[in-house]
Amino acid sequence: MGPQERLNVFRRFFAASRYGRLLIQQLLVRSALEQALMQDVVQMERIHNQHFKDTLETVRRHGFLEEFLIAVREEDLSLQKIIEAYDKRMEGRM
């Protein structure tokens, strides 16, 4: 697998991570209706965080950290844009 293919794998990893966070957020919201779900939220967050840590360790171990960091920077910029859009909506400017 070449660098571009790995970058695409890393991008898909971050897309899946965002999706996972949305599922956690949905369950958190639903826990207001069913308190027992809070345990599931905590469990999902733990698993999600461990998966990220394990992925980072694997990337380092195989010598692809610099390539992974390219995807990290892209993801950070994407998240920043999303946050800024929400900031504008929350301030009523949109």
PDB file of N, CA and C in Angstrom:
ATOM      1  N   MET A   1       0.866  -1.175   0.000  1.00  0.00           N
ATOM      2  CA  MET A   1       0.000   0.000   0.000  1.00  0.00           C
ATOM      3  C   MET A   1       0.907   1.232   0.000  1.00  0.00           C
ATOM      4  N   GLY A   2       0.599   2.156  -0.870  1.00  0.00           N
ATOM      5  CA  GLY A   2       1.390   3.374  -0.964  1.00  0.00           C
ATOM      6  C   GLY A   2       0.895   4.455  -0.011  1.00  0.00           C
ATOM      7  N   PRO A   3       1.654   5.556   0.051  1.00  0.00           N
ATOM      8  CA  PRO A   3       1.299   6.654   0.977  1.00  0.00           C
ATOM      9  C   PRO A   3      -0.108   7.218   0.749  1.00  0.00           C
ATOM     10  N   GLN A   4      -0.513   7.373  -0.510  1.00  0.00           N
ATOM     11  CA  GLN A   4      -1.840   7.936  -0.790  1.00  0.00           C
ATOM     12  C   GLN A   4      -2.947   6.995  -0.330  1.00  0.00           C
ATOM     13  N   GLU A   5      -2.731   5.701  -0.530  1.00  0.00           N
ATOM     14  CA  GLU A   5      -3.729   4.727  -0.079  1.00  0.00           C
ATOM     15  C   GLU A   5      -3.832   4.721   1.448  1.00  0.00           C
ATOM     16  N   ARG A   6      -2.674   4.812   2.109  1.00  0.00           N
ATOM     17  CA  ARG A   6      -2.700   4.866   3.584  1.00  0.00           C
ATOM     18  C   ARG A   6      -3.401   6.134   4.058  1.00  0.00           C
ATOM     19  N   LEU A   7      -3.145   7.255   3.398  1.00  0.00           N
ATOM     20  CA  LEU A   7      -3.807   8.505   3.770  1.00  0.00           C
ATOM     21  C   LEU A   7      -5.320   8.348   3.658  1.00  0.00           C
ATOM     22  N   ASN A   8      -5.769   7.687   2.621  1.00  0.00           N
ATOM     23  CA  ASN A   8      -7.212   7.450   2.464  1.00  0.00           C
ATOM     24  C   ASN A   8      -7.750   6.540   3.571  1.00  0.00           C
ATOM     25  N   VAL A   9      -6.961   5.558   3.976  1.00  0.00           N
ATOM     26  CA  VAL A   9      -7.360   4.689   5.097  1.00  0.00           C
ATOM     27  C   VAL A   9      -7.480   5.527   6.366  1.00  0.00           C
ATOM     28  N   PHE A  10      -6.513   6.404   6.597  1.00  0.00           N
ATOM     29  CA  PHE A  10      -6.541   7.254   7.787  1.00  0.00           C
ATOM     30  C   PHE A  10      -7.736   8.205   7.738  1.00  0.00           C
ATOM     31  N   ARG A  11      -8.040   8.728   6.569  1.00  0.00           N
ATOM     32  CA  ARG A  11      -9.214   9.608   6.432  1.00  0.00           C
ATOM     33  C   ARG A  11     -10.492   8.849   6.768  1.00  0.00           C
ATOM     34  N   ARG A  12     -10.590   7.613   6.288  1.00  0.00           N
ATOM     35  CA  ARG A  12     -11.773   6.792   6.601  1.00  0.00           C
ATOM     36  C   ARG A  12     -11.835   6.494   8.100  1.00  0.00           C
ATOM     37  N   PHE A  13     -10.681   6.300   8.714  1.00  0.00           N
ATOM     38  CA  PHE A  13     -10.640   6.086  10.154  1.00  0.00           C
ATOM     39  C   PHE A  13     -11.255   7.278  10.888  1.00  0.00           C
ATOM     40  N   PHE A  14     -10.863   8.498  10.481  1.00  0.00           N
ATOM     41  CA  PHE A  14     -11.403   9.680  11.156  1.00  0.00           C
ATOM     42  C   PHE A  14     -12.891   9.867  10.862  1.00  0.00           C
ATOM     43  N   ALA A  15     -13.319   9.527   9.657  1.00  0.00           N
ATOM     44  CA  ALA A  15     -14.751   9.610   9.350  1.00  0.00           C
ATOM     45  C   ALA A  15     -15.530   8.630  10.231  1.00  0.00           C
ATOM     46  N   ALA A  16     -15.002   7.426  10.390  1.00  0.00           N
ATOM     47  CA  ALA A  16     -15.653   6.436  11.248  1.00  0.00           C
ATOM     48  C   ALA A  16     -15.638   6.896  12.710  1.00  0.00           C
ATOM     49  N   SER A  17     -14.573   7.554  13.110  1.00  0.00           N
ATOM     50  CA  SER A  17     -14.483   8.058  14.471  1.00  0.00           C
ATOM     51  C   SER A  17     -15.541   9.134  14.723  1.00  0.00           C
ATOM     52  N   ARG A  18     -15.718  10.051  13.770  1.00  0.00           N
ATOM     53  CA  ARG A  18     -16.760  11.084  13.912  1.00  0.00           C
ATOM     54  C   ARG A  18     -18.141  10.437  13.995  1.00  0.00           C
ATOM     55  N   TYR A  19     -18.371   9.437  13.160  1.00  0.00           N
ATOM     56  CA  TYR A  19     -19.646   8.716  13.180  1.00  0.00           C
ATOM     57  C   TYR A  19     -19.864   8.071  14.550  1.00  0.00           C
ATOM     58  N   GLY A  20     -18.824   7.453  15.084  1.00  0.00           N
ATOM     59  CA  GLY A  20     -18.911   6.846  16.403  1.00  0.00           C
ATOM     60  C   GLY A  20     -19.247   7.858  17.484  1.00  0.00           C
ATOM     61  N   ARG A  21     -18.642   9.034  17.388  1.00  0.00           N
ATOM     62  CA  ARG A  21     -18.927  10.082  18.375  1.00  0.00           C
ATOM     63  C   ARG A  21     -20.386  10.528  18.274  1.00  0.00           C
ATOM     64  N   LEU A  22     -20.924  10.574  17.064  1.00  0.00           N
ATOM     65  CA  LEU A  22     -22.334  10.934  16.900  1.00  0.00           C
ATOM     66  C   LEU A  22     -23.244   9.886  17.539  1.00  0.00           C
ATOM     67  N   LEU A  23     -22.892   8.624  17.382  1.00  0.00           N
ATOM     68  CA  LEU A  23     -23.682   7.570  18.014  1.00  0.00           C
ATOM     69  C   LEU A  23     -23.629   7.687  19.535  1.00  0.00           C
ATOM     70  N   ILE A  24     -22.460   8.021  20.055  1.00  0.00           N
ATOM     71  CA  ILE A  24     -22.328   8.218  21.499  1.00  0.00           C
ATOM     72  C   ILE A  24     -23.183   9.397  21.940  1.00  0.00           C
ATOM     73  N   GLN A  25     -23.148  10.491  21.181  1.00  0.00           N
ATOM     74  CA  GLN A  25     -23.949  11.670  21.517  1.00  0.00           C
ATOM     75  C   GLN A  25     -25.438  11.342  21.486  1.00  0.00           C
ATOM     76  N   GLN A  26     -25.857  10.573  20.489  1.00  0.00           N
ATOM     77  CA  GLN A  26     -27.261  10.187  20.399  1.00  0.00           C
ATOM     78  C   GLN A  26     -27.679   9.371  21.616  1.00  0.00           C
ATOM     79  N   LEU A  27     -26.840   8.434  22.011  1.00  0.00           N
ATOM     80  CA  LEU A  27     -27.156   7.624  23.178  1.00  0.00           C
ATOM     81  C   LEU A  27     -27.175   8.474  24.446  1.00  0.00           C
ATOM     82  N   LEU A  28     -26.267   9.437  24.532  1.00  0.00           N
ATOM     83  CA  LEU A  28     -26.250  10.348  25.675  1.00  0.00           C
ATOM     84  C   LEU A  28     -27.565  11.108  25.774  1.00  0.00           C
ATOM     85  N   VAL A  29     -28.030  11.616  24.657  1.00  0.00           N
ATOM     86  CA  VAL A  29     -29.299  12.344  24.633  1.00  0.00           C
ATOM     87  C   VAL A  29     -30.443  11.423  25.041  1.00  0.00           C
ATOM     88  N   ARG A  30     -30.431  10.228  24.518  1.00  0.00           N
ATOM     89  CA  ARG A  30     -31.487   9.270  24.852  1.00  0.00           C
ATOM     90  C   ARG A  30     -31.452   8.863  26.322  1.00  0.00           C
ATOM     91  N   SER A  31     -30.301   8.996  26.958  1.00  0.00           N
ATOM     92  CA  SER A  31     -30.206   8.626  28.372  1.00  0.00           C
ATOM     93  C   SER A  31     -31.063   9.530  29.250  1.00  0.00           C
ATOM     94  N   ALA A  32     -31.470  10.674  28.726  1.00  0.00           N
ATOM     95  CA  ALA A  32     -32.390  11.531  29.475  1.00  0.00           C
ATOM     96  C   ALA A  32     -33.750  10.852  29.622  1.00  0.00           C
ATOM     97  N   LEU A  33     -34.088  10.015  28.650  1.00  0.00           N
ATOM     98  CA  LEU A  33     -35.357   9.284  28.692  1.00  0.00           C
ATOM     99  C   LEU A  33     -35.226   7.964  29.438  1.00  0.00           C
ATOM    100  N   GLU A  34     -34.031   7.397  29.378  1.00  0.00           N
ATOM    101  CA  GLU A  34     -33.795   6.090  30.003  1.00  0.00           C
ATOM    102  C   GLU A  34     -32.419   6.121  30.669  1.00  0.00           C
ATOM    103  N   GLN A  35     -32.406   6.401  31.939  1.00  0.00           N
ATOM    104  CA  GLN A  35     -31.164   6.610  32.691  1.00  0.00           C
ATOM    105  C   GLN A  35     -30.173   5.462  32.580  1.00  0.00           C
ATOM    106  N   ALA A  36     -30.651   4.269  32.436  1.00  0.00           N
ATOM    107  CA  ALA A  36     -29.769   3.106  32.356  1.00  0.00           C
ATOM    108  C   ALA A  36     -28.823   3.174  31.156  1.00  0.00           C
ATOM    109  N   LEU A  37     -29.191   3.958  30.146  1.00  0.00           N
ATOM    110  CA  LEU A  37     -28.343   4.087  28.960  1.00  0.00           C
ATOM    111  C   LEU A  37     -27.021   4.784  29.259  1.00  0.00           C
ATOM    112  N   MET A  38     -26.962   5.520  30.356  1.00  0.00           N
ATOM    113  CA  MET A  38     -25.738   6.242  30.689  1.00  0.00           C
ATOM    114  C   MET A  38     -24.558   5.278  30.831  1.00  0.00           C
ATOM    115  N   GLN A  39     -24.812   4.095  31.352  1.00  0.00           N
ATOM    116  CA  GLN A  39     -23.747   3.092  31.454  1.00  0.00           C
ATOM    117  C   GLN A  39     -23.215   2.732  30.072  1.00  0.00           C
ATOM    118  N   ASP A  40     -24.114   2.638  29.104  1.00  0.00           N
ATOM    119  CA  ASP A  40     -23.711   2.334  27.730  1.00  0.00           C
ATOM    120  C   ASP A  40     -22.888   3.471  27.140  1.00  0.00           C
ATOM    121  N   VAL A  41     -23.267   4.696  27.467  1.00  0.00           N
ATOM    122  CA  VAL A  41     -22.524   5.863  26.986  1.00  0.00           C
ATOM    123  C   VAL A  41     -21.084   5.796  27.488  1.00  0.00           C
ATOM    124  N   VAL A  42     -20.923   5.562  28.757  1.00  0.00           N
ATOM    125  CA  VAL A  42     -19.589   5.492  29.360  1.00  0.00           C
ATOM    126  C   VAL A  42     -18.781   4.370  28.711  1.00  0.00           C
ATOM    127  N   GLN A  43     -19.413   3.230  28.512  1.00  0.00           N
ATOM    128  CA  GLN A  43     -18.742   2.084  27.886  1.00  0.00           C
ATOM    129  C   GLN A  43     -18.327   2.408  26.452  1.00  0.00           C
ATOM    130  N   MET A  44     -19.229   3.001  25.689  1.00  0.00           N
ATOM    131  CA  MET A  44     -18.914   3.343  24.300  1.00  0.00           C
ATOM    132  C   MET A  44     -17.785   4.362  24.226  1.00  0.00           C
ATOM    133  N   GLU A  45     -17.801   5.339  25.106  1.00  0.00           N
ATOM    134  CA  GLU A  45     -16.722   6.330  25.117  1.00  0.00           C
ATOM    135  C   GLU A  45     -15.385   5.670  25.436  1.00  0.00           C
ATOM    136  N   ARG A  46     -15.390   4.762  26.381  1.00  0.00           N
ATOM    137  CA  ARG A  46     -14.158   4.062  26.750  1.00  0.00           C
ATOM    138  C   ARG A  46     -13.619   3.268  25.567  1.00  0.00           C
ATOM    139  N   ILE A  47     -14.496   2.542  24.902  1.00  0.00           N
ATOM    140  CA  ILE A  47     -14.099   1.743  23.744  1.00  0.00           C
ATOM    141  C   ILE A  47     -13.589   2.650  22.622  1.00  0.00           C
ATOM    142  N   HIS A  48     -14.304   3.728  22.369  1.00  0.00           N
ATOM    143  CA  HIS A  48     -13.916   4.665  21.312  1.00  0.00           C
ATOM    144  C   HIS A  48     -12.525   5.232  21.577  1.00  0.00           C
ATOM    145  N   ASN A  49     -12.294   5.673  22.789  1.00  0.00           N
ATOM    146  CA  ASN A  49     -10.999   6.243  23.144  1.00  0.00           C
ATOM    147  C   ASN A  49      -9.890   5.200  23.070  1.00  0.00           C
ATOM    148  N   GLN A  50     -10.174   3.982  23.515  1.00  0.00           N
ATOM    149  CA  GLN A  50      -9.172   2.915  23.456  1.00  0.00           C
ATOM    150  C   GLN A  50      -8.845   2.570  22.011  1.00  0.00           C
ATOM    151  N   HIS A  51      -9.853   2.564  21.157  1.00  0.00           N
ATOM    152  CA  HIS A  51      -9.625   2.273  19.738  1.00  0.00           C
ATOM    153  C   HIS A  51      -8.696   3.319  19.120  1.00  0.00           C
ATOM    154  N   PHE A  52      -8.902   4.580  19.469  1.00  0.00           N
ATOM    155  CA  PHE A  52      -8.030   5.629  18.946  1.00  0.00           C
ATOM    156  C   PHE A  52      -6.597   5.408  19.448  1.00  0.00           C
ATOM    157  N   LYS A  53      -6.466   5.130  20.726  1.00  0.00           N
ATOM    158  CA  LYS A  53      -5.138   4.901  21.308  1.00  0.00           C
ATOM    159  C   LYS A  53      -4.458   3.707  20.641  1.00  0.00           C
ATOM    160  N   ASP A  54      -5.189   2.619  20.461  1.00  0.00           N
ATOM    161  CA  ASP A  54      -4.632   1.424  19.821  1.00  0.00           C
ATOM    162  C   ASP A  54      -4.212   1.711  18.382  1.00  0.00           C
ATOM    163  N   THR A  55      -5.031   2.470  17.671  1.00  0.00           N
ATOM    164  CA  THR A  55      -4.701   2.827  16.286  1.00  0.00           C
ATOM    165  C   THR A  55      -3.433   3.650  16.238  1.00  0.00           C
ATOM    166  N   LEU A  56      -3.326   4.627  17.110  1.00  0.00           N
ATOM    167  CA  LEU A  56      -2.134   5.462  17.156  1.00  0.00           C
ATOM    168  C   LEU A  56      -0.892   4.624  17.456  1.00  0.00           C
ATOM    169  N   GLU A  57      -0.989   3.709  18.381  1.00  0.00           N
ATOM    170  CA  GLU A  57       0.141   2.835  18.701  1.00  0.00           C
ATOM    171  C   GLU A  57       0.526   1.961  17.510  1.00  0.00           C
ATOM    172  N   THR A  58      -0.471   1.455  16.792  1.00  0.00           N
ATOM    173  CA  THR A  58      -0.203   0.629  15.611  1.00  0.00           C
ATOM    174  C   THR A  58       0.481   1.440  14.522  1.00  0.00           C
ATOM    175  N   VAL A  59      -0.006   2.637  14.304  1.00  0.00           N
ATOM    176  CA  VAL A  59       0.587   3.515  13.284  1.00  0.00           C
ATOM    177  C   VAL A  59       2.047   3.795  13.636  1.00  0.00           C
ATOM    178  N   ARG A  60       2.305   4.104  14.875  1.00  0.00           N
ATOM    179  CA  ARG A  60       3.691   4.356  15.321  1.00  0.00           C
ATOM    180  C   ARG A  60       4.559   3.122  15.135  1.00  0.00           C
ATOM    181  N   ARG A  61       4.051   1.985  15.563  1.00  0.00           N
ATOM    182  CA  ARG A  61       4.816   0.737  15.513  1.00  0.00           C
ATOM    183  C   ARG A  61       5.216   0.382  14.080  1.00  0.00           C
ATOM    184  N   HIS A  62       4.355   0.701  13.131  1.00  0.00           N
ATOM    185  CA  HIS A  62       4.627   0.349  11.733  1.00  0.00           C
ATOM    186  C   HIS A  62       5.326   1.467  10.959  1.00  0.00           C
ATOM    187  N   GLY A  63       5.644   2.559  11.645  1.00  0.00           N
ATOM    188  CA  GLY A  63       6.423   3.619  11.018  1.00  0.00           C
ATOM    189  C   GLY A  63       5.642   4.567  10.125  1.00  0.00           C
ATOM    190  N   PHE A  64       4.344   4.681  10.361  1.00  0.00           N
ATOM    191  CA  PHE A  64       3.517   5.542   9.516  1.00  0.00           C
ATOM    192  C   PHE A  64       3.013   6.781  10.248  1.00  0.00           C
ATOM    193  N   LEU A  65       3.657   7.147  11.339  1.00  0.00           N
ATOM    194  CA  LEU A  65       3.177   8.267  12.136  1.00  0.00           C
ATOM    195  C   LEU A  65       3.121   9.560  11.335  1.00  0.00           C
ATOM    196  N   GLU A  66       4.152   9.859  10.565  1.00  0.00           N
ATOM    197  CA  GLU A  66       4.162  11.117   9.799  1.00  0.00           C
ATOM    198  C   GLU A  66       3.001  11.177   8.812  1.00  0.00           C
ATOM    199  N   GLU A  67       2.699  10.070   8.163  1.00  0.00           N
ATOM    200  CA  GLU A  67       1.561  10.023   7.244  1.00  0.00           C
ATOM    201  C   GLU A  67       0.243  10.176   8.019  1.00  0.00           C
ATOM    202  N   PHE A  68       0.164   9.543   9.159  1.00  0.00           N
ATOM    203  CA  PHE A  68      -1.032   9.653   9.992  1.00  0.00           C
ATOM    204  C   PHE A  68      -1.231  11.100  10.438  1.00  0.00           C
ATOM    205  N   LEU A  69      -0.142  11.779  10.760  1.00  0.00           N
ATOM    206  CA  LEU A  69      -0.238  13.166  11.210  1.00  0.00           C
ATOM    207  C   LEU A  69      -0.745  14.099  10.118  1.00  0.00           C
ATOM    208  N   ILE A  70      -0.518  13.749   8.872  1.00  0.00           N
ATOM    209  CA  ILE A  70      -1.107  14.522   7.773  1.00  0.00           C
ATOM    210  C   ILE A  70      -2.627  14.445   7.867  1.00  0.00           C
ATOM    211  N   ALA A  71      -3.133  13.229   8.069  1.00  0.00           N
ATOM    212  CA  ALA A  71      -4.583  13.039   8.212  1.00  0.00           C
ATOM    213  C   ALA A  71      -5.093  13.703   9.487  1.00  0.00           C
ATOM    214  N   VAL A  72      -4.282  13.680  10.541  1.00  0.00           N
ATOM    215  CA  VAL A  72      -4.661  14.345  11.800  1.00  0.00           C
ATOM    216  C   VAL A  72      -4.858  15.833  11.549  1.00  0.00           C
ATOM    217  N   ARG A  73      -3.919  16.454  10.835  1.00  0.00           N
ATOM    218  CA  ARG A  73      -4.025  17.897  10.549  1.00  0.00           C
ATOM    219  C   ARG A  73      -5.249  18.203   9.696  1.00  0.00           C
ATOM    220  N   GLU A  74      -5.519  17.357   8.705  1.00  0.00           N
ATOM    221  CA  GLU A  74      -6.727  17.532   7.884  1.00  0.00           C
ATOM    222  C   GLU A  74      -7.978  17.438   8.746  1.00  0.00           C
ATOM    223  N   GLU A  75      -8.015  16.426   9.602  1.00  0.00           N
ATOM    224  CA  GLU A  75      -9.186  16.235  10.463  1.00  0.00           C
ATOM    225  C   GLU A  75      -9.357  17.406  11.422  1.00  0.00           C
ATOM    226  N   ASP A  76      -8.251  17.885  11.957  1.00  0.00           N
ATOM    227  CA  ASP A  76      -8.314  19.028  12.863  1.00  0.00           C
ATOM    228  C   ASP A  76      -8.888  20.251  12.152  1.00  0.00           C
ATOM    229  N   LEU A  77      -8.457  20.502  10.925  1.00  0.00           N
ATOM    230  CA  LEU A  77      -8.999  21.628  10.154  1.00  0.00           C
ATOM    231  C   LEU A  77     -10.489  21.439   9.881  1.00  0.00           C
ATOM    232  N   SER A  78     -10.869  20.222   9.524  1.00  0.00           N
ATOM    233  CA  SER A  78     -12.286  19.941   9.262  1.00  0.00           C
ATOM    234  C   SER A  78     -13.122  20.155  10.513  1.00  0.00           C
ATOM    235  N   LEU A  79     -12.635  19.666  11.636  1.00  0.00           N
ATOM    236  CA  LEU A  79     -13.362  19.850  12.893  1.00  0.00           C
ATOM    237  C   LEU A  79     -13.440  21.323  13.270  1.00  0.00           C
ATOM    238  N   GLN A  80     -12.371  22.061  13.025  1.00  0.00           N
ATOM    239  CA  GLN A  80     -12.374  23.489  13.327  1.00  0.00           C
ATOM    240  C   GLN A  80     -13.442  24.209  12.515  1.00  0.00           C
ATOM    241  N   LYS A  81     -13.571  23.846  11.236  1.00  0.00           N
ATOM    242  CA  LYS A  81     -14.603  24.459  10.385  1.00  0.00           C
ATOM    243  C   LYS A  81     -16.004  24.132  10.902  1.00  0.00           C
ATOM    244  N   ILE A  82     -16.203  22.900  11.322  1.00  0.00           N
ATOM    245  CA  ILE A  82     -17.504  22.497  11.868  1.00  0.00           C
ATOM    246  C   ILE A  82     -17.794  23.282  13.145  1.00  0.00           C
ATOM    247  N   ILE A  83     -16.800  23.399  14.013  1.00  0.00           N
ATOM    248  CA  ILE A  83     -16.968  24.147  15.264  1.00  0.00           C
ATOM    249  C   ILE A  83     -17.285  25.606  14.980  1.00  0.00           C
ATOM    250  N   GLU A  84     -16.587  26.203  14.025  1.00  0.00           N
ATOM    251  CA  GLU A  84     -16.835  27.606  13.683  1.00  0.00           C
ATOM    252  C   GLU A  84     -18.246  27.796  13.133  1.00  0.00           C
ATOM    253  N   ALA A  85     -18.700  26.841  12.324  1.00  0.00           N
ATOM    254  CA  ALA A  85     -20.065  26.926  11.797  1.00  0.00           C
ATOM    255  C   ALA A  85     -21.081  26.857  12.943  1.00  0.00           C
ATOM    256  N   TYR A  86     -20.848  25.978  13.893  1.00  0.00           N
ATOM    257  CA  TYR A  86     -21.733  25.886  15.058  1.00  0.00           C
ATOM    258  C   TYR A  86     -21.653  27.155  15.899  1.00  0.00           C
ATOM    259  N   ASP A  87     -20.445  27.692  16.064  1.00  0.00           N
ATOM    260  CA  ASP A  87     -20.296  28.945  16.815  1.00  0.00           C
ATOM    261  C   ASP A  87     -21.163  30.045  16.201  1.00  0.00           C
ATOM    262  N   LYS A  88     -21.126  30.164  14.887  1.00  0.00           N
ATOM    263  CA  LYS A  88     -21.924  31.194  14.202  1.00  0.00           C
ATOM    264  C   LYS A  88     -23.415  30.944  14.404  1.00  0.00           C
ATOM    265  N   ARG A  89     -23.822  29.674  14.291  1.00  0.00           N
ATOM    266  CA  ARG A  89     -25.237  29.342  14.494  1.00  0.00           C
ATOM    267  C   ARG A  89     -25.672  29.650  15.907  1.00  0.00           C
ATOM    268  N   MET A  90     -24.814  29.338  16.863  1.00  0.00           N
ATOM    269  CA  MET A  90     -25.156  29.566  18.269  1.00  0.00           C
ATOM    270  C   MET A  90     -25.226  31.052  18.605  1.00  0.00           C
ATOM    271  N   GLU A  91     -24.461  31.853  17.897  1.00  0.00           N
ATOM    272  CA  GLU A  91     -24.485  33.290  18.112  1.00  0.00           C
ATOM    273  C   GLU A  91     -25.595  33.971  17.302  1.00  0.00           C
ATOM    274  N   GLY A  92     -26.289  33.211  16.483  1.00  0.00           N
ATOM    275  CA  GLY A  92     -27.397  33.749  15.708  1.00  0.00           C
ATOM    276  C   GLY A  92     -26.975  34.552  14.479  1.00  0.00           C
ATOM    277  N   ARG A  93     -25.743  34.371  14.040  1.00  0.00           N
ATOM    278  CA  ARG A  93     -25.277  35.124  12.882  1.00  0.00           C
ATOM    279  C   ARG A  93     -25.593  34.445  11.568  1.00  0.00           C
ATOM    280  N   MET A  94     -26.034  33.225  11.581  1.00  0.00           N
ATOM    281  CA  MET A  94     -26.314  32.534  10.314  1.00  0.00           C
ATOM    282  C   MET A  94     -27.760  32.642   9.959  1.00  0.00           C
TER     283      MET A  94
END
